[in-house]
């Protein structure tokens, strides 16, 4: 999935409004949106959550409460960002009943 997109504006952000799919199996707006939202979740998780997992582990092993708190705060912010991306799936683009069958 990660390699199945292109940026509309090559200099723009890796964000839903600037992404299009290269290939689809079925096509249609519902499928495009489904895959793009999944891609955005992976982008957010990979840049805003994943890097802080080893930091939390190291902070726990070192007994560094301040570093642990900062890392957990960063992870929480990443989860909030993913929540916002997921909220878009039900608002501006598609009805929830369509997602259930996608």
N, C-alpha and C. Protein backbone atom coordinates (compact mmCIF):
# COMPACT_ATOMS: atom_id res chain seq x y z
N UNK A 1 0.82 -1.18 0.00
CA UNK A 1 0.00 0.00 0.00
C UNK A 1 0.86 1.25 0.00
N UNK A 2 1.95 1.25 0.73
CA UNK A 2 2.76 2.45 0.87
C UNK A 2 3.24 2.96 -0.48
N UNK A 3 3.56 2.09 -1.41
CA UNK A 3 4.10 2.52 -2.69
C UNK A 3 3.02 2.77 -3.74
N UNK A 4 1.76 2.76 -3.36
CA UNK A 4 0.67 2.90 -4.32
C UNK A 4 0.03 4.29 -4.27
N UNK A 5 0.82 5.31 -4.20
CA UNK A 5 0.28 6.66 -4.19
C UNK A 5 1.27 7.62 -4.83
N UNK A 6 0.76 8.77 -5.17
CA UNK A 6 1.64 9.87 -5.59
C UNK A 6 1.11 11.16 -4.99
N UNK A 7 2.00 12.12 -4.84
CA UNK A 7 1.62 13.42 -4.32
C UNK A 7 1.17 14.29 -5.49
N UNK A 8 0.01 14.91 -5.35
CA UNK A 8 -0.49 15.81 -6.38
C UNK A 8 0.50 16.96 -6.56
N UNK A 9 0.88 17.57 -5.46
CA UNK A 9 1.92 18.59 -5.46
C UNK A 9 3.17 17.94 -4.89
N UNK A 10 4.16 17.64 -5.73
CA UNK A 10 5.35 16.94 -5.25
C UNK A 10 6.05 17.62 -4.07
N UNK A 11 5.90 18.93 -3.95
CA UNK A 11 6.53 19.65 -2.85
C UNK A 11 5.60 19.81 -1.65
N UNK A 12 4.38 19.33 -1.78
CA UNK A 12 3.39 19.46 -0.72
C UNK A 12 3.54 18.37 0.33
N UNK A 13 2.69 18.43 1.35
CA UNK A 13 2.80 17.48 2.47
C UNK A 13 2.25 16.09 2.13
N UNK A 14 2.66 15.10 2.91
CA UNK A 14 2.07 13.77 2.83
C UNK A 14 0.77 13.82 3.63
N UNK A 15 -0.30 14.29 2.99
CA UNK A 15 -1.58 14.51 3.64
C UNK A 15 -2.68 14.13 2.67
N UNK A 16 -3.79 13.67 3.19
CA UNK A 16 -4.90 13.18 2.36
C UNK A 16 -5.24 14.09 1.18
N UNK A 17 -5.31 15.37 1.41
CA UNK A 17 -5.70 16.29 0.35
C UNK A 17 -4.66 16.40 -0.76
N UNK A 18 -3.46 15.88 -0.54
CA UNK A 18 -2.39 15.97 -1.53
C UNK A 18 -2.00 14.60 -2.07
N UNK A 19 -2.80 13.57 -1.85
CA UNK A 19 -2.46 12.22 -2.28
C UNK A 19 -3.49 11.65 -3.25
N UNK A 20 -3.02 10.87 -4.20
CA UNK A 20 -3.88 10.11 -5.11
C UNK A 20 -3.29 8.72 -5.26
N UNK A 21 -4.16 7.76 -5.52
CA UNK A 21 -3.70 6.39 -5.73
C UNK A 21 -3.17 6.21 -7.15
N UNK A 22 -2.16 5.35 -7.28
CA UNK A 22 -1.66 4.99 -8.60
C UNK A 22 -2.54 3.91 -9.22
N UNK A 23 -2.85 2.87 -8.45
CA UNK A 23 -3.60 1.71 -8.95
C UNK A 23 -4.70 1.33 -7.97
N UNK A 24 -5.83 0.90 -8.51
CA UNK A 24 -6.89 0.34 -7.68
C UNK A 24 -7.38 -0.94 -8.32
N UNK A 25 -7.85 -1.86 -7.50
CA UNK A 25 -8.38 -3.11 -8.02
C UNK A 25 -9.82 -2.94 -8.49
N UNK A 26 -10.59 -2.20 -7.75
CA UNK A 26 -12.01 -2.05 -8.06
C UNK A 26 -12.33 -0.67 -8.58
N UNK A 27 -11.71 0.33 -8.01
CA UNK A 27 -11.97 1.70 -8.42
C UNK A 27 -13.10 2.32 -7.62
N UNK A 28 -13.46 3.50 -8.01
CA UNK A 28 -14.53 4.20 -7.32
C UNK A 28 -14.02 5.04 -6.17
N UNK A 29 -14.80 6.06 -5.87
CA UNK A 29 -14.41 7.01 -4.84
C UNK A 29 -14.29 6.37 -3.46
N UNK A 30 -15.17 5.44 -3.13
CA UNK A 30 -15.12 4.78 -1.82
C UNK A 30 -13.81 4.05 -1.61
N UNK A 31 -13.38 3.31 -2.61
CA UNK A 31 -12.15 2.54 -2.48
C UNK A 31 -10.92 3.45 -2.44
N UNK A 32 -10.93 4.46 -3.26
CA UNK A 32 -9.81 5.42 -3.22
C UNK A 32 -9.68 6.02 -1.83
N UNK A 33 -10.80 6.48 -1.27
CA UNK A 33 -10.76 7.12 0.04
C UNK A 33 -10.33 6.13 1.11
N UNK A 34 -10.84 4.91 1.05
CA UNK A 34 -10.47 3.88 2.02
C UNK A 34 -8.96 3.67 2.06
N UNK A 35 -8.35 3.51 0.90
CA UNK A 35 -6.91 3.26 0.85
C UNK A 35 -6.11 4.50 1.24
N UNK A 36 -6.57 5.67 0.84
CA UNK A 36 -5.84 6.88 1.20
C UNK A 36 -5.90 7.14 2.71
N UNK A 37 -7.04 6.88 3.32
CA UNK A 37 -7.13 7.06 4.77
C UNK A 37 -6.21 6.06 5.46
N UNK A 38 -6.19 4.82 4.99
CA UNK A 38 -5.28 3.82 5.56
C UNK A 38 -3.83 4.26 5.42
N UNK A 39 -3.49 4.80 4.27
CA UNK A 39 -2.13 5.31 4.04
C UNK A 39 -1.81 6.45 5.01
N UNK A 40 -2.75 7.37 5.19
CA UNK A 40 -2.51 8.50 6.10
C UNK A 40 -2.31 8.01 7.53
N UNK A 41 -3.06 6.99 7.95
CA UNK A 41 -2.88 6.42 9.29
C UNK A 41 -1.47 5.84 9.42
N UNK A 42 -1.00 5.15 8.39
CA UNK A 42 0.36 4.59 8.42
C UNK A 42 1.41 5.70 8.47
N UNK A 43 1.20 6.76 7.72
CA UNK A 43 2.15 7.88 7.72
C UNK A 43 2.21 8.52 9.11
N UNK A 44 1.05 8.79 9.68
CA UNK A 44 1.01 9.42 11.00
C UNK A 44 1.63 8.50 12.05
N UNK A 45 1.26 7.22 12.01
CA UNK A 45 1.82 6.28 12.98
C UNK A 45 3.32 6.12 12.84
N UNK A 46 3.78 6.07 11.61
CA UNK A 46 5.21 5.88 11.37
C UNK A 46 6.06 7.07 11.74
N UNK A 47 5.48 8.26 11.70
CA UNK A 47 6.26 9.45 12.01
C UNK A 47 5.99 10.02 13.40
N UNK A 48 4.83 9.70 13.98
CA UNK A 48 4.46 10.32 15.25
C UNK A 48 4.26 9.35 16.40
N UNK A 49 4.32 8.07 16.15
CA UNK A 49 4.17 7.08 17.22
C UNK A 49 5.37 6.14 17.27
N UNK A 50 5.64 5.48 16.17
CA UNK A 50 6.69 4.45 16.12
C UNK A 50 8.05 4.92 16.65
N UNK A 51 8.52 6.11 16.32
CA UNK A 51 9.83 6.52 16.82
C UNK A 51 9.92 6.63 18.34
N UNK A 52 8.78 6.80 18.99
CA UNK A 52 8.78 7.00 20.44
C UNK A 52 8.65 5.71 21.24
N UNK A 53 8.36 4.60 20.56
CA UNK A 53 8.24 3.32 21.28
C UNK A 53 9.57 2.92 21.90
N UNK A 54 10.68 2.91 21.15
CA UNK A 54 11.94 2.56 21.81
C UNK A 54 12.37 3.59 22.86
N UNK A 55 11.98 4.85 22.67
CA UNK A 55 12.31 5.88 23.67
C UNK A 55 11.62 5.56 24.99
N UNK A 56 10.36 5.12 24.91
CA UNK A 56 9.66 4.76 26.15
C UNK A 56 10.33 3.56 26.81
N UNK A 57 10.73 2.58 26.02
CA UNK A 57 11.39 1.40 26.58
C UNK A 57 12.70 1.78 27.26
N UNK A 58 13.48 2.61 26.59
CA UNK A 58 14.76 3.04 27.16
C UNK A 58 14.54 3.86 28.44
N UNK A 59 13.53 4.72 28.43
CA UNK A 59 13.25 5.54 29.61
C UNK A 59 12.82 4.67 30.79
N UNK A 60 12.04 3.65 30.52
CA UNK A 60 11.62 2.74 31.59
C UNK A 60 12.83 2.01 32.18
N UNK A 61 13.68 1.49 31.29
CA UNK A 61 14.86 0.76 31.76
C UNK A 61 15.82 1.67 32.54
N UNK A 62 15.89 2.93 32.14
CA UNK A 62 16.79 3.87 32.80
C UNK A 62 16.15 4.52 34.03
N UNK A 63 14.86 4.30 34.20
CA UNK A 63 14.16 4.94 35.32
C UNK A 63 14.02 6.45 35.14
N UNK A 64 14.00 6.89 33.88
CA UNK A 64 13.92 8.31 33.56
C UNK A 64 12.46 8.71 33.36
N UNK A 65 11.83 9.16 34.43
CA UNK A 65 10.40 9.50 34.39
C UNK A 65 10.11 10.68 33.46
N UNK A 66 11.00 11.65 33.42
CA UNK A 66 10.78 12.82 32.57
C UNK A 66 10.80 12.42 31.09
N UNK A 67 11.78 11.60 30.70
CA UNK A 67 11.86 11.15 29.31
C UNK A 67 10.66 10.27 28.96
N UNK A 68 10.25 9.43 29.90
CA UNK A 68 9.09 8.58 29.68
C UNK A 68 7.84 9.43 29.47
N UNK A 69 7.67 10.44 30.29
CA UNK A 69 6.52 11.32 30.17
C UNK A 69 6.49 12.02 28.82
N UNK A 70 7.64 12.53 28.37
CA UNK A 70 7.71 13.20 27.07
C UNK A 70 7.38 12.24 25.94
N UNK A 71 7.93 11.04 26.00
CA UNK A 71 7.69 10.07 24.94
C UNK A 71 6.21 9.64 24.90
N UNK A 72 5.64 9.41 26.07
CA UNK A 72 4.22 9.03 26.12
C UNK A 72 3.33 10.17 25.64
N UNK A 73 3.71 11.40 25.93
CA UNK A 73 2.94 12.55 25.43
C UNK A 73 2.99 12.60 23.91
N UNK A 74 4.16 12.33 23.34
CA UNK A 74 4.29 12.31 21.88
C UNK A 74 3.44 11.21 21.27
N UNK A 75 3.43 10.04 21.90
CA UNK A 75 2.60 8.94 21.41
C UNK A 75 1.12 9.31 21.51
N UNK A 76 0.72 9.94 22.60
CA UNK A 76 -0.67 10.36 22.77
C UNK A 76 -1.07 11.36 21.68
N UNK A 77 -0.17 12.28 21.36
CA UNK A 77 -0.45 13.25 20.29
C UNK A 77 -0.59 12.55 18.94
N UNK A 78 0.24 11.54 18.70
CA UNK A 78 0.13 10.76 17.46
C UNK A 78 -1.20 10.03 17.38
N UNK A 79 -1.66 9.48 18.50
CA UNK A 79 -2.96 8.80 18.53
C UNK A 79 -4.08 9.80 18.26
N UNK A 80 -3.96 11.00 18.81
CA UNK A 80 -4.96 12.03 18.53
C UNK A 80 -4.98 12.39 17.05
N UNK A 81 -3.81 12.43 16.43
CA UNK A 81 -3.74 12.72 15.00
C UNK A 81 -4.42 11.62 14.19
N UNK A 82 -4.19 10.36 14.57
CA UNK A 82 -4.84 9.25 13.87
C UNK A 82 -6.35 9.31 14.07
N UNK A 83 -6.77 9.65 15.27
CA UNK A 83 -8.20 9.79 15.54
C UNK A 83 -8.82 10.84 14.63
N UNK A 84 -8.12 11.94 14.43
CA UNK A 84 -8.61 12.99 13.54
C UNK A 84 -8.70 12.51 12.10
N UNK A 85 -7.71 11.73 11.66
CA UNK A 85 -7.75 11.17 10.30
C UNK A 85 -8.95 10.23 10.16
N UNK A 86 -9.14 9.38 11.15
CA UNK A 86 -10.25 8.43 11.09
C UNK A 86 -11.60 9.15 11.12
N UNK A 87 -11.68 10.24 11.84
CA UNK A 87 -12.94 11.00 11.91
C UNK A 87 -13.31 11.54 10.53
N UNK A 88 -12.32 11.81 9.72
CA UNK A 88 -12.59 12.32 8.37
C UNK A 88 -13.28 11.27 7.51
N UNK A 89 -13.09 10.00 7.81
CA UNK A 89 -13.70 8.95 6.99
C UNK A 89 -15.22 8.97 7.07
N UNK A 90 -15.75 9.43 8.16
CA UNK A 90 -17.19 9.44 8.34
C UNK A 90 -17.80 10.81 8.08
N UNK A 91 -16.99 11.80 7.90
CA UNK A 91 -17.53 13.15 7.75
C UNK A 91 -17.63 13.59 6.30
N UNK A 92 -16.53 14.06 5.77
CA UNK A 92 -16.58 14.78 4.51
C UNK A 92 -16.65 13.90 3.27
N UNK A 93 -16.25 12.66 3.34
CA UNK A 93 -16.14 11.88 2.11
C UNK A 93 -17.16 10.75 1.96
N UNK A 94 -17.31 9.93 2.97
CA UNK A 94 -18.09 8.71 2.80
C UNK A 94 -19.04 8.47 3.95
N UNK A 95 -20.12 7.77 3.68
CA UNK A 95 -21.06 7.37 4.72
C UNK A 95 -20.54 6.12 5.41
N UNK A 96 -20.81 6.01 6.70
CA UNK A 96 -20.30 4.89 7.49
C UNK A 96 -20.75 3.55 6.94
N UNK A 97 -21.96 3.45 6.45
CA UNK A 97 -22.46 2.15 5.95
C UNK A 97 -21.67 1.66 4.75
N UNK A 98 -21.07 2.56 3.98
CA UNK A 98 -20.25 2.14 2.84
C UNK A 98 -18.95 1.52 3.30
N UNK A 99 -18.40 2.04 4.41
CA UNK A 99 -17.13 1.53 4.92
C UNK A 99 -17.27 0.12 5.44
N UNK A 100 -18.41 -0.19 6.01
CA UNK A 100 -18.64 -1.51 6.58
C UNK A 100 -18.48 -2.60 5.52
N UNK A 101 -18.76 -2.28 4.28
CA UNK A 101 -18.73 -3.28 3.21
C UNK A 101 -17.55 -3.09 2.27
N UNK A 102 -16.59 -2.25 2.64
CA UNK A 102 -15.44 -1.99 1.78
C UNK A 102 -14.32 -2.97 2.09
